[in-house]
N, C-alpha and C. Protein backbone atom coordinates (compact mmCIF):
# COMPACT_ATOMS: atom_id res chain seq x y z
N UNK A 1 -7.89 -7.98 1.28
CA UNK A 1 -7.48 -7.02 2.16
C UNK A 1 -8.33 -5.72 1.83
N UNK A 2 -9.11 -5.27 2.98
CA UNK A 2 -9.89 -4.11 2.86
C UNK A 2 -9.01 -2.89 2.93
N UNK A 3 -9.04 -2.05 1.88
CA UNK A 3 -8.15 -0.80 1.88
C UNK A 3 -8.90 0.39 2.36
N UNK A 4 -10.26 0.34 2.22
CA UNK A 4 -10.98 1.56 2.38
C UNK A 4 -12.53 1.01 2.77
N UNK A 5 -12.96 1.62 3.86
CA UNK A 5 -14.41 1.31 4.21
C UNK A 5 -15.31 2.17 3.77
N UNK A 6 -16.44 1.63 3.28
CA UNK A 6 -17.65 2.48 2.81
C UNK A 6 -18.93 1.67 3.07
N UNK A 7 -19.98 2.37 2.93
CA UNK A 7 -21.28 1.67 3.10
C UNK A 7 -22.20 1.55 1.96
N UNK A 8 -21.80 2.20 0.67
CA UNK A 8 -22.67 2.39 -0.39
C UNK A 8 -22.42 1.33 -1.48
N UNK A 9 -21.22 1.02 -1.69
CA UNK A 9 -20.80 0.18 -2.85
C UNK A 9 -19.43 -0.55 -2.55
N UNK A 10 -19.29 -1.70 -3.03
CA UNK A 10 -18.00 -2.41 -2.83
C UNK A 10 -17.23 -2.42 -4.22
N UNK A 11 -16.10 -2.09 -4.18
CA UNK A 11 -15.18 -2.21 -5.38
C UNK A 11 -14.06 -3.39 -5.11
N UNK A 12 -14.24 -4.54 -5.68
CA UNK A 12 -13.29 -5.63 -5.58
C UNK A 12 -12.38 -5.53 -6.81
N UNK A 13 -11.09 -5.29 -6.48
CA UNK A 13 -10.19 -5.08 -7.69
C UNK A 13 -8.99 -5.96 -7.49
N UNK A 14 -8.37 -6.23 -8.66
CA UNK A 14 -7.19 -7.27 -8.73
C UNK A 14 -6.10 -6.53 -9.31
N UNK A 15 -4.79 -6.71 -8.76
CA UNK A 15 -3.67 -6.36 -9.21
C UNK A 15 -3.51 -4.87 -9.55
N UNK A 16 -3.19 -4.56 -10.95
CA UNK A 16 -3.00 -3.10 -11.22
C UNK A 16 -4.34 -2.40 -11.16
N UNK A 17 -5.48 -2.95 -11.02
CA UNK A 17 -6.63 -2.31 -10.97
C UNK A 17 -6.90 -1.82 -9.54
N UNK A 18 -6.23 -2.15 -8.56
CA UNK A 18 -6.46 -1.72 -7.14
C UNK A 18 -6.27 -0.26 -7.12
N UNK A 19 -5.20 0.27 -7.76
CA UNK A 19 -4.86 1.70 -7.71
C UNK A 19 -6.01 2.45 -8.33
N UNK A 20 -6.68 1.90 -9.51
CA UNK A 20 -7.74 2.64 -10.16
C UNK A 20 -8.92 2.63 -9.20
N UNK A 21 -9.18 1.49 -8.53
CA UNK A 21 -10.33 1.50 -7.66
C UNK A 21 -10.24 2.45 -6.52
N UNK A 22 -9.07 2.57 -6.00
CA UNK A 22 -8.82 3.50 -4.89
C UNK A 22 -9.04 4.97 -5.37
N UNK A 23 -8.53 5.28 -6.64
CA UNK A 23 -8.75 6.61 -7.12
C UNK A 23 -10.18 6.88 -7.42
N UNK A 24 -10.98 5.87 -7.93
CA UNK A 24 -12.34 5.88 -8.28
C UNK A 24 -13.17 6.14 -6.98
N UNK A 25 -12.74 5.42 -5.87
CA UNK A 25 -13.33 5.70 -4.55
C UNK A 25 -13.27 7.02 -4.07
N UNK A 26 -12.11 7.65 -4.28
CA UNK A 26 -11.94 9.16 -3.93
C UNK A 26 -12.92 10.12 -4.80
N UNK A 27 -13.00 9.70 -6.01
CA UNK A 27 -13.93 10.65 -6.90
C UNK A 27 -15.35 10.32 -6.42
N UNK A 28 -15.65 9.01 -6.17
CA UNK A 28 -17.17 8.79 -5.63
C UNK A 28 -17.37 9.39 -4.34
N UNK A 29 -16.34 9.51 -3.47
CA UNK A 29 -16.54 10.20 -2.21
C UNK A 29 -16.95 11.75 -2.47
N UNK A 30 -16.38 12.25 -3.52
CA UNK A 30 -16.71 13.66 -3.74
C UNK A 30 -18.05 13.86 -4.33
N UNK A 31 -18.78 12.78 -4.67
CA UNK A 31 -20.12 12.66 -5.18
C UNK A 31 -21.01 12.17 -4.04
N UNK A 32 -20.49 11.97 -2.84
CA UNK A 32 -21.28 11.57 -1.73
C UNK A 32 -21.51 10.04 -1.60
N UNK A 33 -20.65 9.23 -2.43
CA UNK A 33 -20.79 7.81 -2.40
C UNK A 33 -19.58 7.34 -1.68
N UNK A 34 -19.93 6.52 -0.63
CA UNK A 34 -18.83 5.84 0.27
C UNK A 34 -18.59 4.42 -0.24
N UNK A 35 -17.40 4.28 -0.75
CA UNK A 35 -17.03 2.82 -1.44
C UNK A 35 -16.08 2.16 -0.52
N UNK A 36 -16.39 0.91 -0.45
CA UNK A 36 -15.28 0.03 0.15
C UNK A 36 -14.46 -0.46 -0.97
N UNK A 37 -13.10 -0.36 -0.74
CA UNK A 37 -12.22 -0.96 -1.84
C UNK A 37 -11.45 -2.13 -1.09
N UNK A 38 -11.39 -3.16 -1.98
CA UNK A 38 -10.82 -4.39 -1.54
C UNK A 38 -9.81 -4.85 -2.53
N UNK A 39 -8.53 -5.08 -2.02
CA UNK A 39 -7.50 -5.70 -2.93
C UNK A 39 -7.78 -7.14 -2.98
N UNK A 40 -8.30 -7.63 -3.98
CA UNK A 40 -8.90 -9.02 -4.09
C UNK A 40 -7.76 -9.99 -4.40
N UNK A 41 -6.67 -9.98 -3.61
CA UNK A 41 -5.61 -10.90 -3.92
C UNK A 41 -5.95 -12.37 -3.50
N UNK A 42 -7.20 -12.46 -3.03
CA UNK A 42 -7.61 -13.90 -2.55
C UNK A 42 -8.44 -14.55 -3.63
N UNK A 43 -8.12 -14.49 -4.93
CA UNK A 43 -8.76 -14.96 -6.07
C UNK A 43 -9.01 -16.44 -5.87
N UNK A 44 -8.12 -17.31 -5.44
CA UNK A 44 -8.19 -18.58 -5.35
C UNK A 44 -7.56 -19.12 -3.95
N UNK A 45 -8.19 -19.39 -3.08
CA UNK A 45 -9.67 -19.57 -3.03
C UNK A 45 -10.21 -18.11 -2.71
N UNK A 46 -11.49 -18.02 -3.02
CA UNK A 46 -12.21 -16.70 -2.73
C UNK A 46 -12.40 -16.51 -1.19
N UNK A 47 -12.25 -15.31 -0.78
CA UNK A 47 -12.41 -15.02 0.60
C UNK A 47 -13.99 -14.93 0.77
N UNK A 48 -14.61 -16.09 0.91
CA UNK A 48 -16.15 -16.25 0.96
C UNK A 48 -16.71 -15.38 1.95
N UNK A 49 -16.24 -15.39 3.27
CA UNK A 49 -16.87 -14.59 4.32
C UNK A 49 -16.79 -13.14 4.03
N UNK A 50 -15.66 -12.57 3.61
CA UNK A 50 -15.59 -11.19 3.41
C UNK A 50 -16.55 -10.72 2.14
N UNK A 51 -16.50 -11.57 1.02
CA UNK A 51 -17.37 -11.08 -0.13
C UNK A 51 -18.89 -11.20 0.38
N UNK A 52 -19.28 -12.23 1.08
CA UNK A 52 -20.70 -12.39 1.47
C UNK A 52 -21.08 -11.18 2.33
N UNK A 53 -20.11 -10.84 3.36
CA UNK A 53 -20.32 -9.80 4.39
C UNK A 53 -20.50 -8.43 3.57
N UNK A 54 -19.64 -8.21 2.61
CA UNK A 54 -19.71 -6.81 1.94
C UNK A 54 -21.00 -6.80 1.03
N UNK A 55 -21.35 -8.06 0.45
CA UNK A 55 -22.59 -7.98 -0.48
C UNK A 55 -23.79 -7.72 0.53
N UNK A 56 -23.85 -8.29 1.59
CA UNK A 56 -24.93 -7.99 2.61
C UNK A 56 -25.03 -6.53 3.13
N UNK A 57 -23.68 -6.00 3.31
CA UNK A 57 -23.58 -4.68 3.87
C UNK A 57 -24.00 -3.55 2.81
N UNK A 58 -23.33 -3.69 1.57
CA UNK A 58 -23.47 -2.64 0.69
C UNK A 58 -24.61 -2.87 -0.37
N UNK A 59 -24.75 -4.31 -0.75
CA UNK A 59 -25.69 -4.62 -1.74
C UNK A 59 -25.36 -4.21 -3.20
N UNK A 60 -24.19 -3.79 -3.31
CA UNK A 60 -23.68 -3.41 -4.74
C UNK A 60 -22.12 -3.68 -4.80
N UNK A 61 -21.77 -4.50 -5.82
CA UNK A 61 -20.45 -4.80 -5.97
C UNK A 61 -20.04 -4.62 -7.48
N UNK A 62 -18.88 -3.94 -7.67
CA UNK A 62 -18.23 -3.91 -9.00
C UNK A 62 -16.90 -4.55 -8.86
N UNK A 63 -16.63 -5.67 -9.62
CA UNK A 63 -15.41 -6.27 -9.78
C UNK A 63 -14.59 -5.61 -10.87
N UNK A 64 -13.25 -5.39 -10.56
CA UNK A 64 -12.39 -4.80 -11.68
C UNK A 64 -11.21 -5.60 -11.87
N UNK A 65 -11.08 -6.19 -13.00
CA UNK A 65 -9.98 -6.99 -13.31
C UNK A 65 -9.34 -6.77 -14.79
N UNK A 66 -8.09 -6.93 -14.92
CA UNK A 66 -7.56 -6.74 -16.23
C UNK A 66 -7.22 -8.15 -16.82
N UNK A 67 -8.47 -8.75 -16.88
CA UNK A 67 -8.52 -10.07 -17.48
C UNK A 67 -9.79 -10.26 -18.24
N UNK A 68 -9.82 -11.45 -19.02
CA UNK A 68 -11.13 -11.74 -19.76
C UNK A 68 -12.19 -11.95 -18.69
N UNK A 69 -13.38 -11.40 -18.93
CA UNK A 69 -14.48 -11.47 -17.92
C UNK A 69 -14.98 -12.88 -17.87
N UNK A 70 -15.24 -13.53 -18.93
CA UNK A 70 -15.89 -14.85 -18.93
C UNK A 70 -15.01 -15.90 -18.24
N UNK A 71 -15.32 -16.42 -17.14
CA UNK A 71 -14.74 -17.37 -16.37
C UNK A 71 -13.67 -16.84 -15.46
N UNK A 72 -13.67 -15.48 -15.24
CA UNK A 72 -12.69 -14.71 -14.57
C UNK A 72 -13.21 -14.51 -13.04
N UNK A 73 -12.51 -13.51 -12.38
CA UNK A 73 -12.77 -13.24 -11.02
C UNK A 73 -14.29 -12.79 -10.82
N UNK A 74 -14.84 -11.90 -11.72
CA UNK A 74 -16.14 -11.41 -11.55
C UNK A 74 -17.25 -12.57 -11.65
N UNK A 75 -16.85 -13.51 -12.55
CA UNK A 75 -17.77 -14.70 -12.71
C UNK A 75 -17.76 -15.58 -11.40
N UNK A 76 -16.60 -15.68 -10.82
CA UNK A 76 -16.53 -16.45 -9.53
C UNK A 76 -17.21 -15.78 -8.40
N UNK A 77 -17.27 -14.42 -8.49
CA UNK A 77 -17.95 -13.64 -7.37
C UNK A 77 -19.48 -13.92 -7.57
N UNK A 78 -19.90 -13.75 -8.87
CA UNK A 78 -21.37 -14.07 -9.18
C UNK A 78 -21.86 -15.39 -8.80
N UNK A 79 -20.98 -16.37 -9.05
CA UNK A 79 -21.37 -17.68 -8.59
C UNK A 79 -21.41 -17.95 -7.15
N UNK A 80 -20.42 -17.30 -6.43
CA UNK A 80 -20.49 -17.35 -4.92
C UNK A 80 -21.80 -16.69 -4.36
N UNK A 81 -22.16 -15.52 -4.92
CA UNK A 81 -23.32 -14.86 -4.49
C UNK A 81 -24.69 -15.68 -4.86
N UNK A 82 -24.68 -16.26 -6.00
CA UNK A 82 -25.68 -17.12 -6.35
C UNK A 82 -25.94 -18.31 -5.41
N UNK A 83 -24.78 -19.03 -5.15
CA UNK A 83 -24.66 -20.20 -4.29
C UNK A 83 -25.23 -19.91 -2.89
N UNK A 84 -24.89 -18.56 -2.38
CA UNK A 84 -25.39 -18.04 -1.17
C UNK A 84 -26.73 -17.63 -1.14
N UNK A 85 -27.39 -17.59 -2.17
CA UNK A 85 -28.72 -16.95 -2.18
C UNK A 85 -28.85 -15.59 -2.21
N UNK A 86 -27.73 -14.74 -2.43
CA UNK A 86 -27.77 -13.37 -2.31
C UNK A 86 -27.90 -12.65 -3.70
N UNK A 87 -29.01 -13.11 -4.36
CA UNK A 87 -29.28 -12.78 -5.78
C UNK A 87 -29.78 -11.32 -5.93
N UNK A 88 -30.10 -10.65 -4.75
CA UNK A 88 -30.60 -9.28 -4.94
C UNK A 88 -29.40 -8.24 -4.90
N UNK A 89 -28.07 -8.88 -4.76
CA UNK A 89 -27.04 -7.93 -4.79
C UNK A 89 -26.74 -7.39 -6.17
N UNK A 90 -26.65 -6.18 -6.43
CA UNK A 90 -26.41 -5.63 -7.70
C UNK A 90 -24.77 -5.87 -7.99
N UNK A 91 -24.58 -6.48 -9.16
CA UNK A 91 -23.13 -6.78 -9.43
C UNK A 91 -22.84 -6.28 -10.86
N UNK A 92 -21.81 -5.69 -10.92
CA UNK A 92 -21.24 -5.32 -12.42
C UNK A 92 -19.78 -5.81 -12.48
N UNK A 93 -19.40 -6.20 -13.63
CA UNK A 93 -18.04 -6.66 -13.77
C UNK A 93 -17.28 -5.85 -14.94
N UNK A 94 -16.19 -5.26 -14.46
CA UNK A 94 -15.42 -4.52 -15.44
C UNK A 94 -14.10 -5.30 -15.91
N UNK A 95 -13.90 -5.49 -17.08
CA UNK A 95 -12.67 -6.19 -17.45
C UNK A 95 -12.63 -6.30 -19.03
N UNK A 96 -11.88 -7.31 -19.48
CA UNK A 96 -11.78 -7.47 -20.97
C UNK A 96 -12.79 -8.40 -21.50
N UNK A 97 -13.49 -8.00 -22.60
CA UNK A 97 -14.52 -8.88 -23.14
C UNK A 97 -13.83 -10.06 -23.83
N UNK A 98 -14.67 -11.16 -24.03
CA UNK A 98 -14.12 -12.36 -24.63
C UNK A 98 -14.15 -12.26 -26.15
N UNK A 99 -13.17 -11.41 -26.62
CA UNK A 99 -13.07 -11.11 -28.20
C UNK A 99 -11.49 -10.89 -28.30
N UNK A 100 -11.34 -10.82 -29.61
CA UNK A 100 -9.87 -10.45 -30.10
C UNK A 100 -9.53 -9.18 -29.56
N UNK A 101 -8.35 -9.03 -28.90
CA UNK A 101 -7.91 -7.72 -28.28
C UNK A 101 -6.74 -7.28 -29.09
N UNK A 102 -6.89 -6.07 -29.73
CA UNK A 102 -5.82 -5.56 -30.57
C UNK A 102 -4.65 -5.22 -29.62
N UNK A 103 -3.62 -5.13 -30.30
CA UNK A 103 -2.30 -4.59 -29.53
C UNK A 103 -2.26 -3.22 -29.57
N UNK A 104 -1.71 -2.58 -28.59
CA UNK A 104 -1.60 -1.15 -28.50
C UNK A 104 -1.05 -0.74 -27.20
N UNK A 105 -0.95 0.59 -27.04
CA UNK A 105 -0.51 1.18 -25.78
C UNK A 105 -1.51 0.75 -24.67
N UNK A 106 -1.02 0.38 -23.44
CA UNK A 106 -1.91 -0.03 -22.40
C UNK A 106 -2.95 1.03 -22.07
N UNK A 107 -2.55 2.26 -22.18
CA UNK A 107 -3.52 3.33 -21.77
C UNK A 107 -4.73 3.43 -22.74
N UNK A 108 -4.33 3.11 -24.01
CA UNK A 108 -5.49 3.20 -25.10
C UNK A 108 -6.38 1.92 -24.85
N UNK A 109 -5.84 0.79 -24.64
CA UNK A 109 -6.63 -0.36 -24.39
C UNK A 109 -7.43 -0.27 -23.14
N UNK A 110 -6.78 0.24 -22.14
CA UNK A 110 -7.59 0.35 -20.80
C UNK A 110 -8.80 1.31 -21.01
N UNK A 111 -8.60 2.36 -21.71
CA UNK A 111 -9.69 3.28 -22.09
C UNK A 111 -10.84 2.55 -22.99
N UNK A 112 -10.31 1.75 -23.91
CA UNK A 112 -11.37 1.07 -24.73
C UNK A 112 -12.16 0.18 -24.06
N UNK A 113 -11.61 -0.47 -23.03
CA UNK A 113 -12.33 -1.53 -22.31
C UNK A 113 -12.88 -1.00 -21.02
N UNK A 114 -12.85 0.25 -20.79
CA UNK A 114 -13.58 0.78 -19.65
C UNK A 114 -12.81 0.69 -18.30
N UNK A 115 -11.57 0.42 -18.34
CA UNK A 115 -10.64 0.26 -17.22
C UNK A 115 -9.83 1.50 -16.90
N UNK A 116 -10.66 2.62 -16.61
CA UNK A 116 -10.16 3.91 -16.24
C UNK A 116 -10.96 4.44 -14.91
N UNK A 117 -10.45 5.31 -14.25
CA UNK A 117 -10.99 5.87 -13.07
C UNK A 117 -12.40 6.34 -13.41
N UNK A 118 -12.40 7.16 -14.57
CA UNK A 118 -13.68 7.84 -15.01
C UNK A 118 -14.68 6.92 -15.34
N UNK A 119 -14.37 5.79 -16.05
CA UNK A 119 -15.42 4.73 -16.46
C UNK A 119 -15.74 3.85 -15.29
N UNK A 120 -14.98 3.72 -14.36
CA UNK A 120 -15.34 2.95 -13.07
C UNK A 120 -16.37 3.80 -12.27
N UNK A 121 -16.13 5.10 -12.18
CA UNK A 121 -17.07 6.00 -11.56
C UNK A 121 -18.40 5.94 -12.31
N UNK A 122 -18.36 6.01 -13.62
CA UNK A 122 -19.62 5.92 -14.46
C UNK A 122 -20.33 4.78 -14.19
N UNK A 123 -19.74 3.60 -14.23
CA UNK A 123 -20.48 2.35 -14.10
C UNK A 123 -21.13 2.25 -12.63
N UNK A 124 -20.45 2.72 -11.57
CA UNK A 124 -21.06 2.75 -10.35
C UNK A 124 -22.25 3.71 -10.35
N UNK A 125 -22.11 4.74 -10.83
CA UNK A 125 -23.29 5.86 -10.86
C UNK A 125 -24.43 5.24 -11.74
N UNK A 126 -24.09 4.85 -12.92
CA UNK A 126 -25.20 4.44 -13.91
C UNK A 126 -25.78 3.10 -13.52
N UNK A 127 -25.01 2.17 -13.11
CA UNK A 127 -25.50 0.83 -13.11
C UNK A 127 -25.75 0.30 -11.63
N UNK A 128 -25.11 0.80 -10.57
CA UNK A 128 -25.16 0.28 -9.18
C UNK A 128 -25.87 1.22 -8.32
N UNK A 129 -25.90 2.54 -8.49
CA UNK A 129 -26.44 3.46 -7.46
C UNK A 129 -27.81 3.90 -7.75
N UNK A 130 -28.63 3.15 -8.50
CA UNK A 130 -30.03 3.41 -8.67
C UNK A 130 -30.78 2.67 -7.56
N UNK A 131 -31.81 3.35 -6.98
CA UNK A 131 -32.59 2.62 -6.09
C UNK A 131 -33.88 2.06 -6.66
N UNK A 132 -34.41 1.01 -6.18
CA UNK A 132 -35.53 0.28 -6.71
C UNK A 132 -36.75 0.33 -5.85
N UNK A 133 -37.80 0.72 -6.24
CA UNK A 133 -39.04 0.77 -5.58
C UNK A 133 -40.10 -0.03 -6.12
N UNK A 134 -40.91 -0.74 -5.35
CA UNK A 134 -41.90 -1.59 -6.00
C UNK A 134 -43.09 -0.84 -6.28
N UNK A 135 -43.63 -0.89 -7.56
CA UNK A 135 -44.76 -0.12 -7.95
C UNK A 135 -46.01 -1.01 -7.97
N UNK A 136 -47.13 -0.48 -8.21
CA UNK A 136 -48.36 -1.27 -8.32
C UNK A 136 -48.21 -2.29 -9.61
N UNK A 137 -48.47 -3.50 -9.22
CA UNK A 137 -48.44 -4.68 -10.29
C UNK A 137 -49.47 -4.63 -11.11
N UNK A 138 -49.41 -4.77 -12.42
CA UNK A 138 -50.52 -4.98 -13.40
C UNK A 138 -50.36 -6.15 -14.06
N UNK A 139 -51.55 -6.98 -14.30
CA UNK A 139 -51.59 -8.13 -14.92
C UNK A 139 -50.70 -9.23 -14.33
N UNK A 140 -50.38 -9.22 -13.01
CA UNK A 140 -49.79 -10.25 -12.48
C UNK A 140 -48.19 -10.12 -12.49
N UNK A 141 -47.64 -9.00 -13.17
CA UNK A 141 -46.17 -8.85 -13.26
C UNK A 141 -45.75 -7.77 -12.18
N UNK A 142 -44.59 -8.04 -11.60
CA UNK A 142 -44.06 -7.06 -10.75
C UNK A 142 -43.41 -5.91 -11.56
N UNK A 143 -43.71 -4.76 -11.34
CA UNK A 143 -43.03 -3.66 -12.01
C UNK A 143 -42.26 -2.84 -11.07
N UNK A 144 -41.06 -2.61 -11.50
CA UNK A 144 -40.12 -1.84 -10.68
C UNK A 144 -39.79 -0.50 -11.31
N UNK A 145 -39.84 0.53 -10.64
CA UNK A 145 -39.29 1.88 -11.24
C UNK A 145 -37.91 2.07 -10.59
N UNK A 146 -36.92 2.35 -11.38
CA UNK A 146 -35.62 2.65 -11.02
C UNK A 146 -35.59 4.14 -10.71
N UNK A 147 -35.03 4.46 -9.66
CA UNK A 147 -34.83 5.87 -9.19
C UNK A 147 -33.30 6.04 -8.98
N UNK A 148 -32.78 7.19 -9.41
CA UNK A 148 -31.45 7.59 -9.18
C UNK A 148 -31.36 8.04 -7.71
N UNK A 149 -30.07 8.38 -7.36
CA UNK A 149 -29.81 8.86 -5.97
C UNK A 149 -30.66 10.04 -5.52
N UNK A 150 -31.16 10.94 -6.41
CA UNK A 150 -31.83 12.05 -6.09
C UNK A 150 -33.46 11.65 -6.09
N UNK A 151 -33.82 10.50 -6.33
CA UNK A 151 -35.12 10.06 -6.30
C UNK A 151 -35.90 10.36 -7.60
N UNK A 152 -35.23 10.85 -8.63
CA UNK A 152 -35.93 11.12 -9.91
C UNK A 152 -36.19 9.83 -10.66
N UNK A 153 -37.31 9.70 -11.20
CA UNK A 153 -37.66 8.42 -11.99
C UNK A 153 -36.86 8.44 -13.26
N UNK A 154 -36.21 7.42 -13.70
CA UNK A 154 -35.47 7.41 -14.98
C UNK A 154 -35.88 6.28 -15.83
N UNK A 155 -36.40 5.13 -15.48
CA UNK A 155 -36.91 4.07 -16.33
C UNK A 155 -37.67 3.07 -15.76
N UNK A 156 -38.48 2.39 -16.41
CA UNK A 156 -39.40 1.29 -15.79
C UNK A 156 -38.85 -0.12 -16.27
N UNK A 157 -38.58 -1.17 -15.39
CA UNK A 157 -38.28 -2.38 -15.93
C UNK A 157 -39.23 -3.34 -15.55
N UNK A 158 -39.70 -4.14 -16.35
CA UNK A 158 -40.73 -5.23 -16.12
C UNK A 158 -40.12 -6.57 -15.76
């Protein structure tokens, strides 16, 4: 279910993470980033058409789940995109790492594992909203320079 339309990034969220994704989209809007927010209640089976459409439209996806990442919803989205040949889509997955999770207050655990509005916004800005431009290749290798939204050069990836 699409809850909010945007052209810059797609936030696919599950369960209790939907509310966080909506709040993050509001904060991103304040930064000039228009986010599509999807209540991904279609985990099994995946809404193939919707995910592929959004991947082609925004080119950037963040999955947000309160589950272990390995073998989870984000992994299924990555597999779908790979099978469809959409390997240029930037994808980040927010969730619980495959490690022992200590017991504690939910708010403390959510903060520890990056499942807060602030950390979702940070992942979108730091990992997904950089633009890539092809630079002169040297020695037969393609060299890409990452640019942030302002066009300022920040790092080189080989």
